[in-house]
C-alpha atoms as a PDB file:
ATOM      1  CA  MET A   1     151.166  33.837 271.112  1.00  0.00           C
ATOM      2  CA  LYS A   2     151.395  31.527 274.409  1.00  0.00           C
ATOM      3  CA  ASN A   3     148.766  32.136 277.308  1.00  0.00           C
ATOM      4  CA  ARG A   4     151.404  33.038 279.787  1.00  0.00           C
ATOM      5  CA  ASP A   5     153.062  35.576 277.444  1.00  0.00           C
ATOM      6  CA  ARG A   6     149.716  37.103 276.577  1.00  0.00           C
ATOM      7  CA  ILE A   7     148.761  37.567 280.156  1.00  0.00           C
ATOM      8  CA  ILE A   8     151.883  39.137 281.271  1.00  0.00           C
ATOM      9  CA  ALA A   9     152.200  41.095 278.086  1.00  0.00           C
ATOM     10  CA  THR A  10     148.710  42.431 278.703  1.00  0.00           C
ATOM     11  CA  LEU A  11     149.351  43.365 282.238  1.00  0.00           C
ATOM     12  CA  THR A  12     152.688  45.183 281.402  1.00  0.00           C
ATOM     13  CA  GLY A  13     151.275  47.145 278.706  1.00  0.00           C
ATOM     14  CA  ARG A  14     153.211  45.077 275.981  1.00  0.00           C
ATOM     15  CA  ALA A  15     151.596  44.177 272.635  1.00  0.00           C
ATOM     16  CA  ALA A  16     149.778  41.031 272.663  1.00  0.00           C
ATOM     17  CA  ASP A  17     147.774  39.277 270.082  1.00  0.00           C
ATOM     18  CA  ARG A  18     144.721  39.609 271.958  1.00  0.00           C
ATOM     19  CA  ALA A  19     143.544  40.172 275.644  1.00  0.00           C
ATOM     20  CA  PRO A  20     143.170  36.905 278.061  1.00  0.00           C
ATOM     21  CA  PHE A  21     139.643  35.635 278.346  1.00  0.00           C
ATOM     22  CA  GLY A  22     138.079  34.389 281.608  1.00  0.00           C
ATOM     23  CA  VAL A  23     141.313  35.526 283.375  1.00  0.00           C
ATOM     24  CA  GLY A  24     139.585  38.420 285.213  1.00  0.00           C
ATOM     25  CA  LEU A  25     138.185  38.046 288.614  1.00  0.00           C
ATOM     26  CA  GLY A  26     134.703  37.397 289.050  1.00  0.00           C
ATOM     27  CA  PHE A  27     134.165  34.498 286.667  1.00  0.00           C
ATOM     28  CA  TRP A  28     132.580  32.470 289.375  1.00  0.00           C
ATOM     29  CA  GLY A  29     129.959  33.130 292.184  1.00  0.00           C
ATOM     30  CA  TRP A  30     128.270  32.892 295.363  1.00  0.00           C
ATOM     31  CA  GLY A  31     127.526  29.642 297.028  1.00  0.00           C
ATOM     32  CA  GLU A  32     123.941  29.717 295.099  1.00  0.00           C
ATOM     33  CA  THR A  33     125.141  31.031 291.846  1.00  0.00           C
ATOM     34  CA  LEU A  34     126.473  27.702 290.135  1.00  0.00           C
ATOM     35  CA  PRO A  35     123.780  25.665 291.183  1.00  0.00           C
ATOM     36  CA  ARG A  36     121.183  28.129 289.874  1.00  0.00           C
ATOM     37  CA  TRP A  37     123.306  28.097 286.548  1.00  0.00           C
ATOM     38  CA  ARG A  38     123.337  24.319 286.618  1.00  0.00           C
ATOM     39  CA  ALA A  39     119.629  23.896 286.997  1.00  0.00           C
ATOM     40  CA  GLU A  40     118.690  26.871 284.086  1.00  0.00           C
ATOM     41  CA  SER A  41     121.360  25.327 281.861  1.00  0.00           C
ATOM     42  CA  GLY A  42     120.126  21.613 282.472  1.00  0.00           C
ATOM     43  CA  ILE A  43     123.744  20.912 282.583  1.00  0.00           C
ATOM     44  CA  ALA A  44     124.113  18.983 285.941  1.00  0.00           C
ATOM     45  CA  ASP A  45     127.994  19.290 286.110  1.00  0.00           C
ATOM     46  CA  LEU A  46     128.288  22.601 284.231  1.00  0.00           C
ATOM     47  CA  ASP A  47     131.856  23.872 284.484  1.00  0.00           C
ATOM     48  CA  THR A  48     131.718  27.532 283.324  1.00  0.00           C
ATOM     49  CA  ALA A  49     135.682  27.772 282.089  1.00  0.00           C
ATOM     50  CA  ALA A  50     135.303  24.718 280.096  1.00  0.00           C
ATOM     51  CA  TYR A  51     131.844  25.665 278.753  1.00  0.00           C
ATOM     52  CA  PHE A  52     133.077  29.144 277.289  1.00  0.00           C
ATOM     53  CA  GLY A  53     136.685  28.245 276.744  1.00  0.00           C
ATOM     54  CA  TYR A  54     138.564  30.493 279.269  1.00  0.00           C
ATOM     55  CA  ASP A  55     142.161  30.917 279.032  1.00  0.00           C
ATOM     56  CA  ARG A  56     143.994  29.301 281.834  1.00  0.00           C
ATOM     57  CA  GLY A  57     144.853  31.825 284.712  1.00  0.00           C
ATOM     58  CA  PHE A  58     147.473  32.124 287.159  1.00  0.00           C
ATOM     59  CA  ALA A  59     149.126  29.203 288.575  1.00  0.00           C
ATOM     60  CA  VAL A  60     149.380  29.795 292.283  1.00  0.00           C
ATOM     61  CA  ALA A  61     152.364  28.138 294.008  1.00  0.00           C
ATOM     62  CA  PRO A  62     151.130  25.932 296.566  1.00  0.00           C
ATOM     63  CA  LEU A  63     153.025  27.064 299.580  1.00  0.00           C
ATOM     64  CA  GLN A  64     152.393  27.723 303.522  1.00  0.00           C
ATOM     65  CA  TYR A  65     152.131  31.585 303.427  1.00  0.00           C
ATOM     66  CA  GLY A  66     150.773  31.552 307.096  1.00  0.00           C
ATOM     67  CA  PRO A  67     150.721  29.762 310.351  1.00  0.00           C
ATOM     68  CA  LEU A  68     152.735  26.848 310.508  1.00  0.00           C
ATOM     69  CA  PRO A  69     151.843  24.499 312.337  1.00  0.00           C
ATOM     70  CA  HIS A  70     148.021  25.263 311.455  1.00  0.00           C
ATOM     71  CA  PHE A  71     145.559  25.589 314.325  1.00  0.00           C
ATOM     72  CA  ALA A  72     143.385  22.603 314.873  1.00  0.00           C
ATOM     73  CA  GLU A  73     140.122  23.019 312.871  1.00  0.00           C
ATOM     74  CA  LYS A  74     137.022  22.342 314.912  1.00  0.00           C
ATOM     75  CA  VAL A  75     133.145  22.781 314.979  1.00  0.00           C
ATOM     76  CA  ILE A  76     131.962  24.747 318.136  1.00  0.00           C
ATOM     77  CA  ARG A  77     128.289  24.521 317.352  1.00  0.00           C
ATOM     78  CA  GLU A  78     125.578  24.236 314.394  1.00  0.00           C
ATOM     79  CA  ASP A  79     122.415  24.123 313.657  1.00  0.00           C
ATOM     80  CA  GLY A  80     120.207  23.576 310.393  1.00  0.00           C
ATOM     81  CA  GLU A  81     121.302  27.096 308.922  1.00  0.00           C
ATOM     82  CA  PHE A  82     124.658  27.954 310.682  1.00  0.00           C
ATOM     83  CA  VAL A  83     128.212  26.761 311.459  1.00  0.00           C
ATOM     84  CA  VAL A  84     130.205  28.172 314.073  1.00  0.00           C
ATOM     85  CA  SER A  85     133.979  26.754 313.399  1.00  0.00           C
ATOM     86  CA  THR A  86     137.588  27.932 314.094  1.00  0.00           C
ATOM     87  CA  ASP A  87     139.551  27.235 310.914  1.00  0.00           C
ATOM     88  CA  TRP A  88     143.306  26.322 310.507  1.00  0.00           C
ATOM     89  CA  ARG A  89     144.281  30.304 310.782  1.00  0.00           C
ATOM     90  CA  GLY A  90     142.693  30.182 314.213  1.00  0.00           C
ATOM     91  CA  ILE A  91     139.733  32.613 313.143  1.00  0.00           C
ATOM     92  CA  THR A  92     136.218  31.575 314.643  1.00  0.00           C
ATOM     93  CA  VAL A  93     133.617  32.373 312.252  1.00  0.00           C
ATOM     94  CA  ARG A  94     129.943  31.703 311.745  1.00  0.00           C
ATOM     95  CA  ASN A  95     128.964  30.486 308.148  1.00  0.00           C
ATOM     96  CA  ARG A  96     125.826  29.945 306.465  1.00  0.00           C
ATOM     97  CA  ARG A  97     125.661  26.272 305.552  1.00  0.00           C
ATOM     98  CA  ASP A  98     124.962  27.174 302.041  1.00  0.00           C
ATOM     99  CA  TYR A  99     127.836  29.714 302.054  1.00  0.00           C
ATOM    100  CA  ALA A 100     125.408  32.302 300.368  1.00  0.00           C
ATOM    101  CA  SER A 101     126.804  35.142 302.397  1.00  0.00           C
ATOM    102  CA  MET A 102     130.226  36.617 303.900  1.00  0.00           C
ATOM    103  CA  PRO A 103     131.230  34.752 307.274  1.00  0.00           C
ATOM    104  CA  GLU A 104     130.386  36.734 310.521  1.00  0.00           C
ATOM    105  CA  PHE A 105     133.857  37.021 312.316  1.00  0.00           C
ATOM    106  CA  LEU A 106     133.650  35.984 315.876  1.00  0.00           C
ATOM    107  CA  ASP A 107     137.181  35.710 317.192  1.00  0.00           C
ATOM    108  CA  HIS A 108     140.690  36.338 316.388  1.00  0.00           C
ATOM    109  CA  PRO A 109     144.048  34.668 317.436  1.00  0.00           C
ATOM    110  CA  ILE A 110     145.798  37.740 318.597  1.00  0.00           C
ATOM    111  CA  LYS A 111     144.332  40.308 321.215  1.00  0.00           C
ATOM    112  CA  THR A 112     147.514  41.431 322.858  1.00  0.00           C
ATOM    113  CA  PRO A 113     151.336  41.965 322.037  1.00  0.00           C
ATOM    114  CA  ASP A 114     152.098  38.977 324.398  1.00  0.00           C
ATOM    115  CA  ASP A 115     149.506  37.037 322.181  1.00  0.00           C
ATOM    116  CA  TRP A 116     151.444  37.940 319.182  1.00  0.00           C
ATOM    117  CA  ARG A 117     154.973  37.230 320.630  1.00  0.00           C
ATOM    118  CA  ARG A 118     153.651  33.758 321.377  1.00  0.00           C
ATOM    119  CA  TYR A 119     151.898  33.402 318.002  1.00  0.00           C
ATOM    120  CA  LYS A 120     155.158  34.302 316.150  1.00  0.00           C
ATOM    121  CA  ALA A 121     157.544  32.063 318.107  1.00  0.00           C
ATOM    122  CA  GLU A 122     155.052  29.112 317.426  1.00  0.00           C
ATOM    123  CA  ARG A 123     153.583  29.839 314.013  1.00  0.00           C
ATOM    124  CA  ILE A 124     155.642  32.173 311.969  1.00  0.00           C
ATOM    125  CA  GLN A 125     159.125  30.563 312.356  1.00  0.00           C
ATOM    126  CA  PRO A 126     160.682  30.354 308.508  1.00  0.00           C
ATOM    127  CA  ARG A 127     160.781  26.374 308.606  1.00  0.00           C
ATOM    128  CA  LEU A 128     161.156  27.043 304.945  1.00  0.00           C
ATOM    129  CA  ALA A 129     161.808  23.565 303.834  1.00  0.00           C
ATOM    130  CA  GLU A 130     158.190  22.599 305.202  1.00  0.00           C
ATOM    131  CA  ARG A 131     156.731  26.015 303.859  1.00  0.00           C
ATOM    132  CA  LEU A 132     157.903  24.794 300.339  1.00  0.00           C
ATOM    133  CA  ALA A 133     156.988  21.240 300.599  1.00  0.00           C
ATOM    134  CA  GLY A 134     154.496  21.371 297.566  1.00  0.00           C
ATOM    135  CA  LEU A 135     156.867  22.916 295.424  1.00  0.00           C
ATOM    136  CA  ASP A 136     158.456  19.963 293.454  1.00  0.00           C
ATOM    137  CA  LYS A 137     155.183  18.683 292.505  1.00  0.00           C
ATOM    138  CA  PHE A 138     153.976  21.915 291.448  1.00  0.00           C
ATOM    139  CA  ILE A 139     157.076  22.461 289.214  1.00  0.00           C
ATOM    140  CA  ALA A 140     156.594  18.729 287.869  1.00  0.00           C
ATOM    141  CA  GLU A 141     153.029  19.804 286.966  1.00  0.00           C
ATOM    142  CA  MET A 142     153.867  23.263 285.490  1.00  0.00           C
ATOM    143  CA  ALA A 143     155.963  21.694 282.691  1.00  0.00           C
ATOM    144  CA  ALA A 144     152.738  20.828 280.794  1.00  0.00           C
ATOM    145  CA  VAL A 145     150.848  24.020 281.905  1.00  0.00           C
ATOM    146  CA  ASP A 146     150.882  27.137 279.876  1.00  0.00           C
ATOM    147  CA  ALA A 147     150.307  29.749 282.477  1.00  0.00           C
ATOM    148  CA  PRO A 148     152.177  32.446 284.484  1.00  0.00           C
ATOM    149  CA  VAL A 149     153.381  31.349 287.939  1.00  0.00           C
ATOM    150  CA  GLN A 150     151.973  33.449 290.946  1.00  0.00           C
ATOM    151  CA  PHE A 151     153.303  34.024 294.350  1.00  0.00           C
ATOM    152  CA  GLY A 152     150.957  34.883 296.825  1.00  0.00           C
ATOM    153  CA  THR A 153     147.242  34.453 297.377  1.00  0.00           C
ATOM    154  CA  PHE A 154     143.967  35.044 299.192  1.00  0.00           C
ATOM    155  CA  PRO A 155     144.381  35.828 302.303  1.00  0.00           C
ATOM    156  CA  TRP A 156     147.807  36.915 302.653  1.00  0.00           C
ATOM    157  CA  GLY A 157     148.669  40.791 302.674  1.00  0.00           C
ATOM    158  CA  ALA A 158     149.930  43.424 304.886  1.00  0.00           C
ATOM    159  CA  PHE A 159     146.874  45.017 306.372  1.00  0.00           C
ATOM    160  CA  GLY A 160     144.884  41.830 304.906  1.00  0.00           C
ATOM    161  CA  THR A 161     146.987  39.517 307.244  1.00  0.00           C
ATOM    162  CA  ALA A 162     147.043  41.827 310.383  1.00  0.00           C
ATOM    163  CA  ARG A 163     143.308  42.455 309.914  1.00  0.00           C
ATOM    164  CA  ASP A 164     142.719  38.470 309.882  1.00  0.00           C
ATOM    165  CA  LEU A 165     144.915  38.075 313.221  1.00  0.00           C
ATOM    166  CA  LEU A 166     143.329  41.009 315.220  1.00  0.00           C
ATOM    167  CA  GLY A 167     139.914  41.768 313.779  1.00  0.00           C
ATOM    168  CA  ALA A 168     139.398  44.771 311.784  1.00  0.00           C
ATOM    169  CA  GLU A 169     138.039  47.125 314.747  1.00  0.00           C
ATOM    170  CA  GLN A 170     140.979  45.645 316.996  1.00  0.00           C
ATOM    171  CA  LEU A 171     143.481  46.416 314.221  1.00  0.00           C
ATOM    172  CA  LEU A 172     142.354  49.922 313.553  1.00  0.00           C
ATOM    173  CA  VAL A 173     142.717  50.616 317.381  1.00  0.00           C
ATOM    174  CA  ALA A 174     145.949  48.882 317.705  1.00  0.00           C
ATOM    175  CA  PHE A 175     147.426  51.097 314.896  1.00  0.00           C
ATOM    176  CA  TYR A 176     147.384  53.913 317.671  1.00  0.00           C
ATOM    177  CA  ASP A 177     147.482  52.073 320.708  1.00  0.00           C
ATOM    178  CA  GLU A 178     150.107  49.342 319.898  1.00  0.00           C
ATOM    179  CA  PRO A 179     152.072  50.652 316.603  1.00  0.00           C
ATOM    180  CA  ALA A 180     155.314  48.280 317.494  1.00  0.00           C
ATOM    181  CA  MET A 181     153.118  45.252 317.279  1.00  0.00           C
ATOM    182  CA  VAL A 182     151.520  46.094 314.004  1.00  0.00           C
ATOM    183  CA  HIS A 183     155.052  46.993 312.768  1.00  0.00           C
ATOM    184  CA  ASP A 184     155.976  43.743 313.916  1.00  0.00           C
ATOM    185  CA  ILE A 185     153.224  41.593 312.340  1.00  0.00           C
ATOM    186  CA  ILE A 186     153.876  43.011 308.852  1.00  0.00           C
ATOM    187  CA  GLU A 187     157.527  43.216 308.916  1.00  0.00           C
ATOM    188  CA  THR A 188     157.612  39.637 310.293  1.00  0.00           C
ATOM    189  CA  HIS A 189     155.369  38.213 307.376  1.00  0.00           C
ATOM    190  CA  VAL A 190     157.098  40.257 304.972  1.00  0.00           C
ATOM    191  CA  ASP A 191     160.516  38.861 306.042  1.00  0.00           C
ATOM    192  CA  LEU A 192     158.911  35.248 305.793  1.00  0.00           C
ATOM    193  CA  TRP A 193     157.459  36.147 302.154  1.00  0.00           C
ATOM    194  CA  VAL A 194     160.645  37.572 300.774  1.00  0.00           C
ATOM    195  CA  ALA A 195     162.621  34.772 302.174  1.00  0.00           C
ATOM    196  CA  MET A 196     160.036  32.096 300.341  1.00  0.00           C
ATOM    197  CA  MET A 197     160.169  34.172 296.995  1.00  0.00           C
ATOM    198  CA  GLU A 198     164.046  34.035 296.846  1.00  0.00           C
ATOM    199  CA  LEU A 199     163.906  30.236 297.173  1.00  0.00           C
ATOM    200  CA  VAL A 200     160.908  29.728 294.702  1.00  0.00           C
ATOM    201  CA  GLN A 201     162.441  31.873 292.159  1.00  0.00           C
ATOM    202  CA  GLN A 202     165.319  29.558 292.291  1.00  0.00           C
ATOM    203  CA  ARG A 203     163.258  26.706 291.492  1.00  0.00           C
ATOM    204  CA  ILE A 204     161.047  28.159 288.913  1.00  0.00           C
ATOM    205  CA  GLY A 205     160.405  31.675 287.778  1.00  0.00           C
ATOM    206  CA  ILE A 206     157.860  33.671 289.389  1.00  0.00           C
ATOM    207  CA  ASP A 207     155.847  35.599 286.780  1.00  0.00           C
ATOM    208  CA  HIS A 208     153.205  37.406 289.488  1.00  0.00           C
ATOM    209  CA  ILE A 209     153.560  38.427 292.950  1.00  0.00           C
ATOM    210  CA  HIS A 210     150.066  38.968 294.529  1.00  0.00           C
ATOM    211  CA  ILE A 211     149.113  40.920 297.538  1.00  0.00           C
ATOM    212  CA  TRP A 212     145.646  40.555 299.274  1.00  0.00           C
ATOM    213  CA  GLU A 213     144.519  43.405 301.270  1.00  0.00           C
ATOM    214  CA  ASP A 214     140.699  44.083 301.177  1.00  0.00           C
ATOM    215  CA  MET A 215     141.274  47.318 303.024  1.00  0.00           C
ATOM    216  CA  SER A 216     138.767  49.701 301.625  1.00  0.00           C
ATOM    217  CA  GLY A 217     135.083  50.409 301.696  1.00  0.00           C
ATOM    218  CA  ARG A 218     132.640  52.934 299.768  1.00  0.00           C
ATOM    219  CA  GLN A 219     134.581  55.772 301.600  1.00  0.00           C
ATOM    220  CA  GLY A 220     138.092  54.693 300.689  1.00  0.00           C
ATOM    221  CA  SER A 221     140.871  53.132 302.445  1.00  0.00           C
ATOM    222  CA  LEU A 222     140.316  52.278 306.058  1.00  0.00           C
ATOM    223  CA  ILE A 223     143.295  53.913 307.013  1.00  0.00           C
ATOM    224  CA  SER A 224     145.076  57.136 305.934  1.00  0.00           C
ATOM    225  CA  MET A 225     147.731  57.164 303.341  1.00  0.00           C
ATOM    226  CA  ALA A 226     149.927  58.216 305.842  1.00  0.00           C
ATOM    227  CA  MET A 227     149.381  55.207 307.765  1.00  0.00           C
ATOM    228  CA  VAL A 228     149.735  53.268 304.532  1.00  0.00           C
ATOM    229  CA  GLU A 229     152.916  54.939 304.106  1.00  0.00           C
ATOM    230  CA  GLU A 230     154.303  54.440 307.382  1.00  0.00           C
ATOM    231  CA  PHE A 231     153.169  50.759 308.178  1.00  0.00           C
ATOM    232  CA  MET A 232     152.777  49.151 304.793  1.00  0.00           C
ATOM    233  CA  MET A 233     154.887  50.708 302.295  1.00  0.00           C
ATOM    234  CA  PRO A 234     158.183  49.704 303.814  1.00  0.00           C
ATOM    235  CA  GLY A 235     157.104  45.964 303.386  1.00  0.00           C
ATOM    236  CA  TYR A 236     155.890  46.750 299.776  1.00  0.00           C
ATOM    237  CA  ASP A 237     159.434  48.389 298.785  1.00  0.00           C
ATOM    238  CA  ARG A 238     161.294  45.130 300.219  1.00  0.00           C
ATOM    239  CA  ILE A 239     158.773  42.901 298.056  1.00  0.00           C
ATOM    240  CA  ALA A 240     159.269  45.089 294.833  1.00  0.00           C
ATOM    241  CA  ALA A 241     163.032  45.301 295.403  1.00  0.00           C
ATOM    242  CA  CYS A 242     162.861  41.379 295.301  1.00  0.00           C
ATOM    243  CA  ALA A 243     160.698  41.385 292.212  1.00  0.00           C
ATOM    244  CA  ARG A 244     163.340  43.844 290.381  1.00  0.00           C
ATOM    245  CA  ARG A 245     166.271  41.352 291.494  1.00  0.00           C
ATOM    246  CA  ARG A 246     164.745  38.530 290.365  1.00  0.00           C
ATOM    247  CA  GLY A 247     162.870  39.746 287.233  1.00  0.00           C
ATOM    248  CA  VAL A 248     159.467  39.470 288.317  1.00  0.00           C
ATOM    249  CA  PRO A 249     157.128  41.443 286.032  1.00  0.00           C
ATOM    250  CA  VAL A 250     153.811  41.941 287.605  1.00  0.00           C
ATOM    251  CA  ILE A 251     153.125  42.836 291.289  1.00  0.00           C
ATOM    252  CA  SER A 252     149.180  43.177 291.836  1.00  0.00           C
ATOM    253  CA  VAL A 253     147.249  44.167 294.692  1.00  0.00           C
ATOM    254  CA  ASP A 254     143.492  42.964 295.509  1.00  0.00           C
ATOM    255  CA  SER A 255     141.173  45.305 297.403  1.00  0.00           C
ATOM    256  CA  ASP A 256     137.478  45.754 297.475  1.00  0.00           C
ATOM    257  CA  GLY A 257     136.045  49.277 298.279  1.00  0.00           C
ATOM    258  CA  ARG A 258     137.121  52.589 296.398  1.00  0.00           C
ATOM    259  CA  VAL A 259     140.645  52.268 295.961  1.00  0.00           C
ATOM    260  CA  ASP A 260     141.799  55.615 294.092  1.00  0.00           C
ATOM    261  CA  GLU A 261     144.063  56.502 296.974  1.00  0.00           C
ATOM    262  CA  LEU A 262     145.558  53.318 297.384  1.00  0.00           C
ATOM    263  CA  VAL A 263     146.233  53.080 293.556  1.00  0.00           C
ATOM    264  CA  ALA A 264     148.147  56.384 293.715  1.00  0.00           C
ATOM    265  CA  CYS A 265     150.078  55.249 296.562  1.00  0.00           C
ATOM    266  CA  MET A 266     150.875  51.853 296.006  1.00  0.00           C
ATOM    267  CA  THR A 267     151.782  52.488 292.210  1.00  0.00           C
ATOM    268  CA  ARG A 268     154.965  54.749 293.585  1.00  0.00           C
ATOM    269  CA  HIS A 269     155.845  51.494 295.462  1.00  0.00           C
ATOM    270  CA  GLY A 270     156.176  49.142 292.608  1.00  0.00           C
ATOM    271  CA  ILE A 271     152.670  47.872 292.409  1.00  0.00           C
ATOM    272  CA  ASN A 272     151.782  47.725 288.578  1.00  0.00           C
ATOM    273  CA  ALA A 273     148.515  45.829 288.750  1.00  0.00           C
ATOM    274  CA  PHE A 274     145.078  45.934 290.707  1.00  0.00           C
ATOM    275  CA  LEU A 275     141.987  44.303 290.952  1.00  0.00           C
ATOM    276  CA  PRO A 276     138.730  44.072 291.050  1.00  0.00           C
ATOM    277  CA  PHE A 277     137.726  47.764 290.863  1.00  0.00           C
ATOM    278  CA  GLU A 278     134.115  47.736 292.732  1.00  0.00           C
ATOM    279  CA  VAL A 279     131.860  49.782 290.556  1.00  0.00           C
ATOM    280  CA  GLN A 280     129.254  50.182 293.497  1.00  0.00           C
ATOM    281  CA  ALA A 281     132.062  51.803 295.574  1.00  0.00           C
ATOM    282  CA  GLY A 282     132.557  54.474 292.823  1.00  0.00           C
ATOM    283  CA  ASN A 283     135.379  52.995 290.982  1.00  0.00           C
ATOM    284  CA  ASP A 284     135.655  53.783 287.258  1.00  0.00           C
ATOM    285  CA  ILE A 285     138.177  51.552 285.366  1.00  0.00           C
ATOM    286  CA  GLU A 286     138.163  54.143 282.417  1.00  0.00           C
ATOM    287  CA  GLN A 287     139.320  57.038 284.639  1.00  0.00           C
ATOM    288  CA  PHE A 288     141.766  54.847 286.029  1.00  0.00           C
ATOM    289  CA  ARG A 289     143.141  54.185 282.689  1.00  0.00           C
ATOM    290  CA  ARG A 290     143.346  57.961 282.028  1.00  0.00           C
ATOM    291  CA  ASP A 291     144.895  58.579 285.451  1.00  0.00           C
ATOM    292  CA  PHE A 292     147.357  55.492 285.504  1.00  0.00           C
ATOM    293  CA  PRO A 293     148.217  54.836 281.679  1.00  0.00           C
ATOM    294  CA  ARG A 294     150.649  52.003 282.740  1.00  0.00           C
ATOM    295  CA  LEU A 295     148.575  50.104 285.301  1.00  0.00           C
ATOM    296  CA  GLY A 296     147.363  46.597 284.539  1.00  0.00           C
ATOM    297  CA  ILE A 297     143.848  46.654 285.304  1.00  0.00           C
ATOM    298  CA  ILE A 298     141.707  43.741 286.094  1.00  0.00           C
ATOM    299  CA  GLY A 299     137.751  43.361 286.510  1.00  0.00           C
ATOM    300  CA  GLY A 300     136.031  46.319 286.890  1.00  0.00           C
ATOM    301  CA  LEU A 301     132.785  45.300 284.886  1.00  0.00           C
ATOM    302  CA  ASP A 302     129.448  45.869 287.086  1.00  0.00           C
ATOM    303  CA  LYS A 303     128.429  42.344 288.408  1.00  0.00           C
ATOM    304  CA  ASN A 304     124.889  43.881 289.301  1.00  0.00           C
ATOM    305  CA  ALA A 305     124.391  44.953 285.709  1.00  0.00           C
ATOM    306  CA  LEU A 306     124.501  41.260 284.743  1.00  0.00           C
ATOM    307  CA  SER A 307     121.245  40.749 286.649  1.00  0.00           C
ATOM    308  CA  LEU A 308     119.459  43.390 284.628  1.00  0.00           C
ATOM    309  CA  SER A 309     118.372  43.859 280.793  1.00  0.00           C
ATOM    310  CA  ARG A 310     120.678  43.384 277.822  1.00  0.00           C
ATOM    311  CA  LYS A 311     120.922  47.218 277.696  1.00  0.00           C
ATOM    312  CA  GLU A 312     122.704  47.336 281.047  1.00  0.00           C
ATOM    313  CA  ILE A 313     124.867  44.230 280.072  1.00  0.00           C
ATOM    314  CA  ASN A 314     125.681  45.929 276.595  1.00  0.00           C
ATOM    315  CA  ARG A 315     126.701  49.010 278.723  1.00  0.00           C
ATOM    316  CA  GLU A 316     129.151  47.092 280.256  1.00  0.00           C
ATOM    317  CA  LEU A 317     130.343  45.417 277.255  1.00  0.00           C
ATOM    318  CA  ASP A 318     130.926  48.600 275.551  1.00  0.00           C
ATOM    319  CA  LYS A 319     132.950  49.815 278.609  1.00  0.00           C
ATOM    320  CA  ALA A 320     134.972  46.554 278.146  1.00  0.00           C
ATOM    321  CA  GLU A 321     135.420  47.398 274.349  1.00  0.00           C
ATOM    322  CA  ARG A 322     136.895  50.627 275.193  1.00  0.00           C
ATOM    323  CA  MET A 323     139.161  49.465 277.679  1.00  0.00           C
ATOM    324  CA  LEU A 324     140.344  46.707 275.402  1.00  0.00           C
ATOM    325  CA  ALA A 325     141.207  49.261 272.799  1.00  0.00           C
ATOM    326  CA  ALA A 326     143.201  51.216 275.481  1.00  0.00           C
ATOM    327  CA  GLY A 327     145.219  48.061 276.283  1.00  0.00           C
ATOM    328  CA  GLY A 328     146.693  46.938 279.567  1.00  0.00           C
ATOM    329  CA  TYR A 329     143.192  45.276 280.431  1.00  0.00           C
ATOM    330  CA  ILE A 330     141.907  41.982 281.496  1.00  0.00           C
ATOM    331  CA  PRO A 331     138.143  41.945 281.475  1.00  0.00           C
ATOM    332  CA  GLY A 332     136.263  40.872 284.329  1.00  0.00           C
ATOM    333  CA  CYS A 333     133.388  41.565 286.737  1.00  0.00           C
ATOM    334  CA  ASP A 334     133.922  43.514 289.823  1.00  0.00           C
ATOM    335  CA  HIS A 335     133.612  40.600 292.352  1.00  0.00           C
ATOM    336  CA  LEU A 336     131.858  37.314 292.680  1.00  0.00           C
ATOM    337  CA  ILE A 337     128.782  36.958 290.588  1.00  0.00           C
ATOM    338  CA  PRO A 338     125.636  37.102 292.574  1.00  0.00           C
ATOM    339  CA  PRO A 339     122.941  34.475 292.254  1.00  0.00           C
ATOM    340  CA  ASN A 340     120.387  36.892 290.893  1.00  0.00           C
ATOM    341  CA  VAL A 341     122.318  36.366 287.740  1.00  0.00           C
ATOM    342  CA  SER A 342     120.448  33.996 285.129  1.00  0.00           C
ATOM    343  CA  TRP A 343     122.088  31.821 283.315  1.00  0.00           C
ATOM    344  CA  ASP A 344     120.979  33.350 280.108  1.00  0.00           C
ATOM    345  CA  ASN A 345     122.269  36.655 280.928  1.00  0.00           C
ATOM    346  CA  TRP A 346     125.806  34.944 282.157  1.00  0.00           C
ATOM    347  CA  LYS A 347     125.872  33.138 278.809  1.00  0.00           C
ATOM    348  CA  TYR A 348     125.270  36.195 276.585  1.00  0.00           C
ATOM    349  CA  PHE A 349     127.666  38.466 278.535  1.00  0.00           C
ATOM    350  CA  ASN A 350     130.330  35.728 278.101  1.00  0.00           C
ATOM    351  CA  VAL A 351     129.712  35.129 274.180  1.00  0.00           C
ATOM    352  CA  GLN A 352     129.430  38.716 273.626  1.00  0.00           C
ATOM    353  CA  LEU A 353     132.726  39.244 275.635  1.00  0.00           C
ATOM    354  CA  LYS A 354     134.597  36.146 273.736  1.00  0.00           C
ATOM    355  CA  LYS A 355     133.620  38.088 270.379  1.00  0.00           C
ATOM    356  CA  LEU A 356     134.937  41.348 271.773  1.00  0.00           C
ATOM    357  CA  ILE A 357     138.114  39.892 272.363  1.00  0.00           C
ATOM    358  CA  GLY A 358     138.463  37.387 269.824  1.00  0.00           C
ATOM    359  CA  ALA A 359     139.578  34.582 271.277  1.00  0.00           C
END
């Protein structure tokens, strides 16, 4: 079975010769993780995908999903440990030089409705020829690649994009104080993405639409399901309708945190795959499989167990085996692999998982 067909069949609950191997989220790590593995393995140029023989994952169309033109990137200040800079999205962050932790978000491009109107006029106009300028090269390269084509990627979503424009706290306040602005931010981006999808699908078939949200914590969604329905789901309905018109088989959402309410809501609006199901937030992929038999599930194996003993690692492998038997599952960890995971443990986990899959 071809790799592309295998991934699509797995996520849509159809028969496949085996599950994909290495496609699941989490087969990479924080900034310090790979250097540790290279040191412990003695392989200076270690590439884990090549070493373990991972299947080719989704091929993401290299499009301009956000502000165009980009903001000017600039370093504001730096020292031996941190760099404060503004990125091409207009977001100012403080990062560790070793990228060993999440960035600290300091400033965002939108603070008022006037800011949004100016941003929209200057940077979110269609300009479709420019936004799809990389598509010809991508299509030529895909002729030799056995992989499903993905539209959408980090950091583009409904809540996710609005949160990056305003900042998390400011967005949560804006849902109440400036609802018209939040509606317009989401609707404007969905307008843009649907127009892009239509053109991309005419040129090369889209297999997978991906929406990045990261809108939950341990307690669940950062906004109520009533607000999800009001602000986000009209856009999701339009994306799902476009997918149906164009025969796109998979629409996935990525959100950290506890996602039981989100999955229940979003699957009613056309989402048929979800990731990464953080274990420490209370997600249990076996329960999700029971509750949502047709949901494509990616991830959900506890990354933190990989820093422990073989007993804990085997417990996650046993979970993977049961999920593989149930179907509709691409095995993977529930987020980036932390640097406290040794090379020996990572190697053991991958070798055993590969045997379970039969890759």
